[in-house]
Amino acid sequence: MGRYTTARSFDDRSTEVQAAPTEAEKQAAGKKDVLEVQNTMGSTAGAGSGDFHQYRQSRRRELFRLAKIEIDAKKEDDEEEFQRRKRERAEQAEEQHKKRAEKRKRKKDKKRKGGK
């Protein structure tokens, strides 16, 4: 019968990267925190028979981390651009509304004074 544990295993064979609870709390607080991969090794460091697979996995995790950082930065930039354009459109709409209201008021005043 296999072992059952409540703790999640974080070994090199794990394909899923998850934030530790403390990192999740920091992210919830709005702080930027980059998941750092410690003990990175080169492709020839400790070149044993199984070390290449460890290197390949650590390299894959690092590339995944860098890609995630780039994706998050792009999303943030896109969101800022969207909010900026949204503010500009709202300002333009408000300006048009004021101009039209002023025009209606002038037309109404002219009509009251006896004009056509």
C-alpha atoms as a PDB file:
ATOM      1  CA  MET A   1       0.000   0.000   0.000  1.00  0.00           C
ATOM      2  CA  GLY A   2       1.397   3.423  -0.980  1.00  0.00           C
ATOM      3  CA  ARG A   3       2.187   6.282   1.328  1.00  0.00           C
ATOM      4  CA  TYR A   4      -0.330   9.057   1.633  1.00  0.00           C
ATOM      5  CA  THR A   5       0.775  12.464   2.772  1.00  0.00           C
ATOM      6  CA  THR A   6      -0.884  15.822   2.984  1.00  0.00           C
ATOM      7  CA  ALA A   7       2.293  17.663   2.010  1.00  0.00           C
ATOM      8  CA  ARG A   8       2.957  18.310  -1.650  1.00  0.00           C
ATOM      9  CA  SER A   9       6.194  16.966  -3.060  1.00  0.00           C
ATOM     10  CA  PHE A  10       8.529  19.516  -4.678  1.00  0.00           C
ATOM     11  CA  ASP A  11      11.099  17.288  -6.321  1.00  0.00           C
ATOM     12  CA  ASP A  12      12.842  17.791  -9.654  1.00  0.00           C
ATOM     13  CA  ARG A  13      10.351  15.594 -11.473  1.00  0.00           C
ATOM     14  CA  SER A  14       7.481  17.901 -10.602  1.00  0.00           C
ATOM     15  CA  THR A  15       6.199  19.666 -13.711  1.00  0.00           C
ATOM     16  CA  GLU A  16       4.003  22.082 -11.818  1.00  0.00           C
ATOM     17  CA  VAL A  17       5.379  25.253 -10.267  1.00  0.00           C
ATOM     18  CA  GLN A  18       3.392  26.557  -7.336  1.00  0.00           C
ATOM     19  CA  ALA A  19       3.986  29.500  -5.064  1.00  0.00           C
ATOM     20  CA  ALA A  20       4.604  28.809  -1.418  1.00  0.00           C
ATOM     21  CA  PRO A  21       1.914  30.181   0.930  1.00  0.00           C
ATOM     22  CA  THR A  22       4.117  33.069   2.037  1.00  0.00           C
ATOM     23  CA  GLU A  23       4.699  34.096  -1.584  1.00  0.00           C
ATOM     24  CA  ALA A  24       0.968  33.919  -2.297  1.00  0.00           C
ATOM     25  CA  GLU A  25       0.298  36.229   0.659  1.00  0.00           C
ATOM     26  CA  LYS A  26       2.885  38.717  -0.609  1.00  0.00           C
ATOM     27  CA  GLN A  27       1.316  38.655  -4.070  1.00  0.00           C
ATOM     28  CA  ALA A  28      -2.109  39.224  -2.554  1.00  0.00           C
ATOM     29  CA  ALA A  29      -0.701  42.301  -0.816  1.00  0.00           C
ATOM     30  CA  GLY A  30       0.212  43.714  -4.227  1.00  0.00           C
ATOM     31  CA  LYS A  31       3.960  43.268  -3.951  1.00  0.00           C
ATOM     32  CA  LYS A  32       5.870  41.994  -6.932  1.00  0.00           C
ATOM     33  CA  ASP A  33       7.853  38.906  -6.084  1.00  0.00           C
ATOM     34  CA  VAL A  34       9.847  36.912  -8.577  1.00  0.00           C
ATOM     35  CA  LEU A  35      10.183  33.217  -7.954  1.00  0.00           C
ATOM     36  CA  GLU A  36      13.918  32.630  -7.895  1.00  0.00           C
ATOM     37  CA  VAL A  37      15.446  29.336  -8.843  1.00  0.00           C
ATOM     38  CA  GLN A  38      18.450  28.648  -6.646  1.00  0.00           C
ATOM     39  CA  ASN A  39      21.244  26.198  -7.422  1.00  0.00           C
ATOM     40  CA  THR A  40      21.126  26.550 -11.168  1.00  0.00           C
ATOM     41  CA  MET A  41      23.811  24.586 -12.921  1.00  0.00           C
ATOM     42  CA  GLY A  42      25.359  24.642 -16.349  1.00  0.00           C
ATOM     43  CA  SER A  43      24.960  21.920 -18.924  1.00  0.00           C
ATOM     44  CA  THR A  44      28.386  20.426 -18.131  1.00  0.00           C
ATOM     45  CA  ALA A  45      28.381  20.828 -14.354  1.00  0.00           C
ATOM     46  CA  GLY A  46      28.562  17.420 -12.672  1.00  0.00           C
ATOM     47  CA  ALA A  47      28.148  15.562 -15.918  1.00  0.00           C
ATOM     48  CA  GLY A  48      26.975  12.218 -14.622  1.00  0.00           C
ATOM     49  CA  SER A  49      24.564   9.895 -16.346  1.00  0.00           C
ATOM     50  CA  GLY A  50      21.429  11.347 -14.725  1.00  0.00           C
ATOM     51  CA  ASP A  51      22.603  14.915 -14.323  1.00  0.00           C
ATOM     52  CA  PHE A  52      21.616  15.960 -17.812  1.00  0.00           C
ATOM     53  CA  HIS A  53      17.972  15.239 -17.020  1.00  0.00           C
ATOM     54  CA  GLN A  54      18.222  17.353 -13.866  1.00  0.00           C
ATOM     55  CA  TYR A  55      19.841  20.143 -15.859  1.00  0.00           C
ATOM     56  CA  ARG A  56      17.169  19.908 -18.532  1.00  0.00           C
ATOM     57  CA  GLN A  57      14.377  20.098 -15.946  1.00  0.00           C
ATOM     58  CA  SER A  58      15.958  23.018 -14.077  1.00  0.00           C
ATOM     59  CA  ARG A  59      16.502  24.824 -17.394  1.00  0.00           C
ATOM     60  CA  ARG A  60      12.884  24.205 -18.375  1.00  0.00           C
ATOM     61  CA  ARG A  61      11.686  25.589 -15.025  1.00  0.00           C
ATOM     62  CA  GLU A  62      13.884  28.663 -15.403  1.00  0.00           C
ATOM     63  CA  LEU A  63      12.667  29.303 -18.963  1.00  0.00           C
ATOM     64  CA  PHE A  64       9.081  28.852 -17.789  1.00  0.00           C
ATOM     65  CA  ARG A  65       9.696  31.357 -14.977  1.00  0.00           C
ATOM     66  CA  LEU A  66      11.183  33.920 -17.371  1.00  0.00           C
ATOM     67  CA  ALA A  67       8.333  33.448 -19.853  1.00  0.00           C
ATOM     68  CA  LYS A  68       5.806  33.934 -17.049  1.00  0.00           C
ATOM     69  CA  ILE A  69       7.528  37.156 -15.995  1.00  0.00           C
ATOM     70  CA  GLU A  70       7.374  38.455 -19.571  1.00  0.00           C
ATOM     71  CA  ILE A  71       3.720  37.469 -19.958  1.00  0.00           C
ATOM     72  CA  ASP A  72       2.802  39.145 -16.663  1.00  0.00           C
ATOM     73  CA  ALA A  73       4.665  42.315 -17.655  1.00  0.00           C
ATOM     74  CA  LYS A  74       2.896  42.388 -21.034  1.00  0.00           C
ATOM     75  CA  LYS A  75      -0.503  41.912 -19.372  1.00  0.00           C
ATOM     76  CA  GLU A  76       0.268  44.738 -16.967  1.00  0.00           C
ATOM     77  CA  ASP A  77       1.335  47.046 -19.810  1.00  0.00           C
ATOM     78  CA  ASP A  78      -1.777  46.159 -21.811  1.00  0.00           C
ATOM     79  CA  GLU A  79      -3.988  46.855 -18.789  1.00  0.00           C
ATOM     80  CA  GLU A  80      -2.345  50.252 -18.230  1.00  0.00           C
ATOM     81  CA  GLU A  81      -2.774  51.129 -21.910  1.00  0.00           C
ATOM     82  CA  PHE A  82      -6.428  50.066 -21.782  1.00  0.00           C
ATOM     83  CA  GLN A  83      -7.091  52.194 -18.674  1.00  0.00           C
ATOM     84  CA  ARG A  84      -5.355  55.198 -20.274  1.00  0.00           C
ATOM     85  CA  ARG A  85      -7.445  54.895 -23.453  1.00  0.00           C
ATOM     86  CA  LYS A  86     -10.590  54.436 -21.351  1.00  0.00           C
ATOM     87  CA  ARG A  87      -9.865  57.664 -19.430  1.00  0.00           C
ATOM     88  CA  GLU A  88      -9.208  59.553 -22.679  1.00  0.00           C
ATOM     89  CA  ARG A  89     -12.474  58.355 -24.202  1.00  0.00           C
ATOM     90  CA  ALA A  90     -14.404  59.287 -21.058  1.00  0.00           C
ATOM     91  CA  GLU A  91     -12.870  62.784 -21.103  1.00  0.00           C
ATOM     92  CA  GLN A  92     -13.741  63.216 -24.791  1.00  0.00           C
ATOM     93  CA  ALA A  93     -17.301  62.030 -24.184  1.00  0.00           C
ATOM     94  CA  GLU A  94     -17.674  64.447 -21.263  1.00  0.00           C
ATOM     95  CA  GLU A  95     -16.338  67.299 -23.388  1.00  0.00           C
ATOM     96  CA  GLN A  96     -18.773  66.498 -26.216  1.00  0.00           C
ATOM     97  CA  HIS A  97     -21.620  66.290 -23.703  1.00  0.00           C
ATOM     98  CA  LYS A  98     -20.793  69.756 -22.343  1.00  0.00           C
ATOM     99  CA  LYS A  99     -20.550  71.250 -25.838  1.00  0.00           C
ATOM    100  CA  ARG A 100     -23.905  69.806 -26.864  1.00  0.00           C
ATOM    101  CA  ALA A 101     -25.558  70.892 -23.619  1.00  0.00           C
ATOM    102  CA  GLU A 102     -24.248  74.431 -24.140  1.00  0.00           C
ATOM    103  CA  LYS A 103     -25.566  74.423 -27.711  1.00  0.00           C
ATOM    104  CA  ARG A 104     -29.003  73.246 -26.523  1.00  0.00           C
ATOM    105  CA  LYS A 105     -29.033  75.949 -23.864  1.00  0.00           C
ATOM    106  CA  ARG A 106     -28.155  78.674 -26.388  1.00  0.00           C
ATOM    107  CA  LYS A 107     -30.869  77.419 -28.735  1.00  0.00           C
ATOM    108  CA  LYS A 108     -33.411  77.395 -25.910  1.00  0.00           C
ATOM    109  CA  ASP A 109     -32.439  80.916 -24.778  1.00  0.00           C
ATOM    110  CA  LYS A 110     -32.682  82.184 -28.352  1.00  0.00           C
ATOM    111  CA  LYS A 111     -36.139  80.659 -28.678  1.00  0.00           C
ATOM    112  CA  ARG A 112     -37.284  82.316 -25.424  1.00  0.00           C
ATOM    113  CA  LYS A 113     -36.074  85.739 -26.549  1.00  0.00           C
ATOM    114  CA  GLY A 114     -38.282  85.572 -29.597  1.00  0.00           C
ATOM    115  CA  GLY A 115     -35.935  84.203 -32.181  1.00  0.00           C
ATOM    116  CA  LYS A 116     -36.761  81.302 -34.429  1.00  0.00           C
END
